[in-house]
PDB file of all heavy atoms in Angstrom:
ATOM      1  N   ALA A   1     -41.018  40.649  27.202  1.00  0.00           N
ATOM      2  CA  ALA A   1     -41.207  39.543  28.142  1.00  0.00           C
ATOM      3  C   ALA A   1     -40.030  39.463  29.111  1.00  0.00           C
ATOM      4  O   ALA A   1     -40.215  39.275  30.320  1.00  0.00           O
ATOM      5  CB  ALA A   1     -41.378  38.224  27.385  1.00  0.00           C
ATOM      6  N   MET A   2     -38.830  39.633  28.593  1.00  0.00           N
ATOM      7  CA  MET A   2     -37.648  39.588  29.447  1.00  0.00           C
ATOM      8  C   MET A   2     -37.660  40.713  30.475  1.00  0.00           C
ATOM      9  O   MET A   2     -37.123  40.565  31.566  1.00  0.00           O
ATOM     10  CB  MET A   2     -36.380  39.660  28.597  1.00  0.00           C
ATOM     11  CG  MET A   2     -36.141  38.404  27.780  1.00  0.00           C
ATOM     12  SD  MET A   2     -34.758  38.547  26.623  1.00  0.00           S
ATOM     13  CE  MET A   2     -33.408  38.884  27.743  1.00  0.00           C
ATOM     14  N   LYS A   3     -38.283  41.829  30.130  1.00  0.00           N
ATOM     15  CA  LYS A   3     -38.369  42.968  31.040  1.00  0.00           C
ATOM     16  C   LYS A   3     -39.612  42.907  31.931  1.00  0.00           C
ATOM     17  O   LYS A   3     -39.818  43.779  32.763  1.00  0.00           O
ATOM     18  CB  LYS A   3     -38.360  44.265  30.228  1.00  0.00           C
ATOM     19  CG  LYS A   3     -37.029  44.500  29.532  1.00  0.00           C
ATOM     20  CD  LYS A   3     -37.067  45.658  28.570  1.00  0.00           C
ATOM     21  CE  LYS A   3     -37.473  46.935  29.228  1.00  0.00           C
ATOM     22  NZ  LYS A   3     -37.502  48.074  28.318  1.00  0.00           N
ATOM     23  N   GLY A   4     -40.460  41.884  31.737  1.00  0.00           N
ATOM     24  CA  GLY A   4     -41.654  41.739  32.563  1.00  0.00           C
ATOM     25  C   GLY A   4     -42.795  42.666  32.182  1.00  0.00           C
ATOM     26  O   GLY A   4     -43.684  42.919  32.986  1.00  0.00           O
ATOM     27  N   GLN A   5     -42.799  43.154  30.962  1.00  0.00           N
ATOM     28  CA  GLN A   5     -43.803  44.114  30.498  1.00  0.00           C
ATOM     29  C   GLN A   5     -45.028  43.375  29.937  1.00  0.00           C
ATOM     30  O   GLN A   5     -45.200  43.254  28.726  1.00  0.00           O
ATOM     31  CB  GLN A   5     -43.191  45.036  29.446  1.00  0.00           C
ATOM     32  CG  GLN A   5     -42.002  45.818  29.938  1.00  0.00           C
ATOM     33  CD  GLN A   5     -42.388  46.823  31.001  1.00  0.00           C
ATOM     34  OE1 GLN A   5     -43.417  47.477  30.908  1.00  0.00           O
ATOM     35  NE2 GLN A   5     -41.572  46.944  32.019  1.00  0.00           N
ATOM     36  N   LYS A   6     -45.895  42.906  30.811  1.00  0.00           N
ATOM     37  CA  LYS A   6     -47.006  42.041  30.413  1.00  0.00           C
ATOM     38  C   LYS A   6     -47.972  42.705  29.429  1.00  0.00           C
ATOM     39  O   LYS A   6     -48.363  42.090  28.437  1.00  0.00           O
ATOM     40  CB  LYS A   6     -47.760  41.550  31.643  1.00  0.00           C
ATOM     41  CG  LYS A   6     -46.932  40.636  32.509  1.00  0.00           C
ATOM     42  CD  LYS A   6     -47.696  40.165  33.727  1.00  0.00           C
ATOM     43  CE  LYS A   6     -46.825  39.213  34.543  1.00  0.00           C
ATOM     44  NZ  LYS A   6     -47.571  38.630  35.649  1.00  0.00           N
ATOM     45  N   GLU A   7     -48.379  43.925  29.694  1.00  0.00           N
ATOM     46  CA  GLU A   7     -49.319  44.602  28.792  1.00  0.00           C
ATOM     47  C   GLU A   7     -48.684  44.850  27.430  1.00  0.00           C
ATOM     48  O   GLU A   7     -49.344  44.734  26.401  1.00  0.00           O
ATOM     49  CB  GLU A   7     -49.817  45.914  29.409  1.00  0.00           C
ATOM     50  CG  GLU A   7     -50.734  45.708  30.600  1.00  0.00           C
ATOM     51  CD  GLU A   7     -51.986  44.906  30.255  1.00  0.00           C
ATOM     52  OE1 GLU A   7     -52.611  45.179  29.214  1.00  0.00           O
ATOM     53  OE2 GLU A   7     -52.339  44.004  31.037  1.00  0.00           O
ATOM     54  N   ALA A   8     -47.404  45.176  27.422  1.00  0.00           N
ATOM     55  CA  ALA A   8     -46.704  45.387  26.151  1.00  0.00           C
ATOM     56  C   ALA A   8     -46.624  44.085  25.368  1.00  0.00           C
ATOM     57  O   ALA A   8     -46.827  44.071  24.152  1.00  0.00           O
ATOM     58  CB  ALA A   8     -45.315  45.960  26.397  1.00  0.00           C
ATOM     59  N   VAL A   9     -46.353  42.964  26.059  1.00  0.00           N
ATOM     60  CA  VAL A   9     -46.293  41.662  25.387  1.00  0.00           C
ATOM     61  C   VAL A   9     -47.626  41.380  24.705  1.00  0.00           C
ATOM     62  O   VAL A   9     -47.669  40.974  23.538  1.00  0.00           O
ATOM     63  CB  VAL A   9     -45.948  40.537  26.385  1.00  0.00           C
ATOM     64  CG1 VAL A   9     -46.193  39.169  25.773  1.00  0.00           C
ATOM     65  CG2 VAL A   9     -44.499  40.659  26.840  1.00  0.00           C
ATOM     66  N   LYS A  10     -48.700  41.609  25.430  1.00  0.00           N
ATOM     67  CA  LYS A  10     -50.033  41.345  24.872  1.00  0.00           C
ATOM     68  C   LYS A  10     -50.285  42.209  23.631  1.00  0.00           C
ATOM     69  O   LYS A  10     -50.726  41.712  22.592  1.00  0.00           O
ATOM     70  CB  LYS A  10     -51.098  41.603  25.927  1.00  0.00           C
ATOM     71  CG  LYS A  10     -52.486  41.291  25.476  1.00  0.00           C
ATOM     72  CD  LYS A  10     -53.489  41.460  26.605  1.00  0.00           C
ATOM     73  CE  LYS A  10     -54.858  41.091  26.087  1.00  0.00           C
ATOM     74  NZ  LYS A  10     -55.847  40.952  27.123  1.00  0.00           N
ATOM     75  N   ALA A  11     -50.001  43.483  23.727  1.00  0.00           N
ATOM     76  CA  ALA A  11     -50.252  44.404  22.613  1.00  0.00           C
ATOM     77  C   ALA A  11     -49.389  44.065  21.404  1.00  0.00           C
ATOM     78  O   ALA A  11     -49.876  44.046  20.266  1.00  0.00           O
ATOM     79  CB  ALA A  11     -50.002  45.851  23.064  1.00  0.00           C
ATOM     80  N   VAL A  12     -48.117  43.778  21.632  1.00  0.00           N
ATOM     81  CA  VAL A  12     -47.228  43.497  20.512  1.00  0.00           C
ATOM     82  C   VAL A  12     -47.550  42.136  19.896  1.00  0.00           C
ATOM     83  O   VAL A  12     -47.440  41.959  18.682  1.00  0.00           O
ATOM     84  CB  VAL A  12     -45.748  43.606  20.929  1.00  0.00           C
ATOM     85  CG1 VAL A  12     -44.829  43.263  19.767  1.00  0.00           C
ATOM     86  CG2 VAL A  12     -45.444  45.021  21.426  1.00  0.00           C
ATOM     87  N   ALA A  13     -47.982  41.181  20.711  1.00  0.00           N
ATOM     88  CA  ALA A  13     -48.387  39.880  20.160  1.00  0.00           C
ATOM     89  C   ALA A  13     -49.580  40.049  19.229  1.00  0.00           C
ATOM     90  O   ALA A  13     -49.637  39.426  18.162  1.00  0.00           O
ATOM     91  CB  ALA A  13     -48.717  38.901  21.278  1.00  0.00           C
ATOM     92  N   ASP A  14     -50.520  40.905  19.600  1.00  0.00           N
ATOM     93  CA  ASP A  14     -51.657  41.179  18.708  1.00  0.00           C
ATOM     94  C   ASP A  14     -51.167  41.789  17.396  1.00  0.00           C
ATOM     95  O   ASP A  14     -51.632  41.427  16.318  1.00  0.00           O
ATOM     96  CB  ASP A  14     -52.665  42.116  19.387  1.00  0.00           C
ATOM     97  CG  ASP A  14     -53.420  41.458  20.529  1.00  0.00           C
ATOM     98  OD1 ASP A  14     -53.428  40.212  20.606  1.00  0.00           O
ATOM     99  OD2 ASP A  14     -54.007  42.194  21.345  1.00  0.00           O
ATOM    100  N   ARG A  15     -50.224  42.709  17.504  1.00  0.00           N
ATOM    101  CA  ARG A  15     -49.669  43.330  16.298  1.00  0.00           C
ATOM    102  C   ARG A  15     -48.934  42.288  15.452  1.00  0.00           C
ATOM    103  O   ARG A  15     -49.086  42.247  14.231  1.00  0.00           O
ATOM    104  CB  ARG A  15     -48.728  44.476  16.669  1.00  0.00           C
ATOM    105  CG  ARG A  15     -48.171  45.190  15.441  1.00  0.00           C
ATOM    106  CD  ARG A  15     -47.345  46.395  15.798  1.00  0.00           C
ATOM    107  NE  ARG A  15     -46.075  45.975  16.366  1.00  0.00           N
ATOM    108  CZ  ARG A  15     -45.412  46.654  17.302  1.00  0.00           C
ATOM    109  NH1 ARG A  15     -45.887  47.774  17.791  1.00  0.00           N
ATOM    110  NH2 ARG A  15     -44.257  46.219  17.754  1.00  0.00           N
ATOM    111  N   ALA A  16     -48.162  41.424  16.098  1.00  0.00           N
ATOM    112  CA  ALA A  16     -47.427  40.388  15.359  1.00  0.00           C
ATOM    113  C   ALA A  16     -48.391  39.463  14.623  1.00  0.00           C
ATOM    114  O   ALA A  16     -48.140  39.082  13.476  1.00  0.00           O
ATOM    115  CB  ALA A  16     -46.539  39.590  16.318  1.00  0.00           C
ATOM    116  N   ARG A  17     -49.494  39.109  15.263  1.00  0.00           N
ATOM    117  CA  ARG A  17     -50.490  38.259  14.594  1.00  0.00           C
ATOM    118  C   ARG A  17     -51.050  38.962  13.359  1.00  0.00           C
ATOM    119  O   ARG A  17     -51.234  38.343  12.319  1.00  0.00           O
ATOM    120  CB  ARG A  17     -51.611  37.894  15.560  1.00  0.00           C
ATOM    121  CG  ARG A  17     -51.243  36.824  16.547  1.00  0.00           C
ATOM    122  CD  ARG A  17     -52.438  36.402  17.424  1.00  0.00           C
ATOM    123  NE  ARG A  17     -52.004  35.452  18.413  1.00  0.00           N
ATOM    124  CZ  ARG A  17     -51.568  35.764  19.622  1.00  0.00           C
ATOM    125  NH1 ARG A  17     -51.528  37.029  20.020  1.00  0.00           N
ATOM    126  NH2 ARG A  17     -51.180  34.822  20.462  1.00  0.00           N
ATOM    127  N   SER A  18     -51.299  40.264  13.487  1.00  0.00           N
ATOM    128  CA  SER A  18     -51.832  41.005  12.337  1.00  0.00           C
ATOM    129  C   SER A  18     -50.800  41.098  11.217  1.00  0.00           C
ATOM    130  O   SER A  18     -51.157  41.329  10.063  1.00  0.00           O
ATOM    131  CB  SER A  18     -52.309  42.398  12.759  1.00  0.00           C
ATOM    132  OG  SER A  18     -51.215  43.266  12.990  1.00  0.00           O
ATOM    133  N   GLN A  19     -49.532  40.905  11.557  1.00  0.00           N
ATOM    134  CA  GLN A  19     -48.452  40.928  10.566  1.00  0.00           C
ATOM    135  C   GLN A  19     -48.148  39.529  10.037  1.00  0.00           C
ATOM    136  O   GLN A  19     -47.204  39.349   9.278  1.00  0.00           O
ATOM    137  CB  GLN A  19     -47.195  41.545  11.184  1.00  0.00           C
ATOM    138  CG  GLN A  19     -47.372  43.008  11.541  1.00  0.00           C
ATOM    139  CD  GLN A  19     -46.276  43.529  12.450  1.00  0.00           C
ATOM    140  OE1 GLN A  19     -45.707  42.804  13.264  1.00  0.00           O
ATOM    141  NE2 GLN A  19     -45.980  44.823  12.317  1.00  0.00           N
ATOM    142  N   GLY A  20     -48.938  38.542  10.478  1.00  0.00           N
ATOM    143  CA  GLY A  20     -48.782  37.189   9.961  1.00  0.00           C
ATOM    144  C   GLY A  20     -48.058  36.214  10.859  1.00  0.00           C
ATOM    145  O   GLY A  20     -47.788  35.078  10.448  1.00  0.00           O
ATOM    146  N   ALA A  21     -47.730  36.611  12.082  1.00  0.00           N
ATOM    147  CA  ALA A  21     -47.056  35.685  12.997  1.00  0.00           C
ATOM    148  C   ALA A  21     -47.995  34.541  13.352  1.00  0.00           C
ATOM    149  O   ALA A  21     -49.183  34.747  13.604  1.00  0.00           O
ATOM    150  CB  ALA A  21     -46.611  36.403  14.272  1.00  0.00           C
ATOM    151  N   THR A  22     -47.446  33.348  13.369  1.00  0.00           N
ATOM    152  CA  THR A  22     -48.236  32.164  13.713  1.00  0.00           C
ATOM    153  C   THR A  22     -48.164  31.917  15.219  1.00  0.00           C
ATOM    154  O   THR A  22     -47.278  32.439  15.908  1.00  0.00           O
ATOM    155  CB  THR A  22     -47.699  30.926  12.988  1.00  0.00           C
ATOM    156  OG1 THR A  22     -46.377  30.645  13.481  1.00  0.00           O
ATOM    157  CG2 THR A  22     -47.668  31.131  11.473  1.00  0.00           C
ATOM    158  N   ASP A  23     -49.085  31.094  15.703  1.00  0.00           N
ATOM    159  CA  ASP A  23     -49.034  30.714  17.116  1.00  0.00           C
ATOM    160  C   ASP A  23     -47.711  30.021  17.427  1.00  0.00           C
ATOM    161  O   ASP A  23     -47.134  30.221  18.495  1.00  0.00           O
ATOM    162  CB  ASP A  23     -50.207  29.800  17.468  1.00  0.00           C
ATOM    163  CG  ASP A  23     -51.538  30.548  17.500  1.00  0.00           C
ATOM    164  OD1 ASP A  23     -51.534  31.790  17.640  1.00  0.00           O
ATOM    165  OD2 ASP A  23     -52.587  29.889  17.393  1.00  0.00           O
ATOM    166  N   GLY A  24     -47.217  29.213  16.483  1.00  0.00           N
ATOM    167  CA  GLY A  24     -45.944  28.534  16.690  1.00  0.00           C
ATOM    168  C   GLY A  24     -44.785  29.501  16.840  1.00  0.00           C
ATOM    169  O   GLY A  24     -43.905  29.306  17.689  1.00  0.00           O
TER     170      GLY A  24
END
């Protein structure tokens, strides 16, 4: 996000959710 990598943010957020990351 700090680097402005929007597609990477989206992809990694999906991965984080699959690893148990909460919306919070």
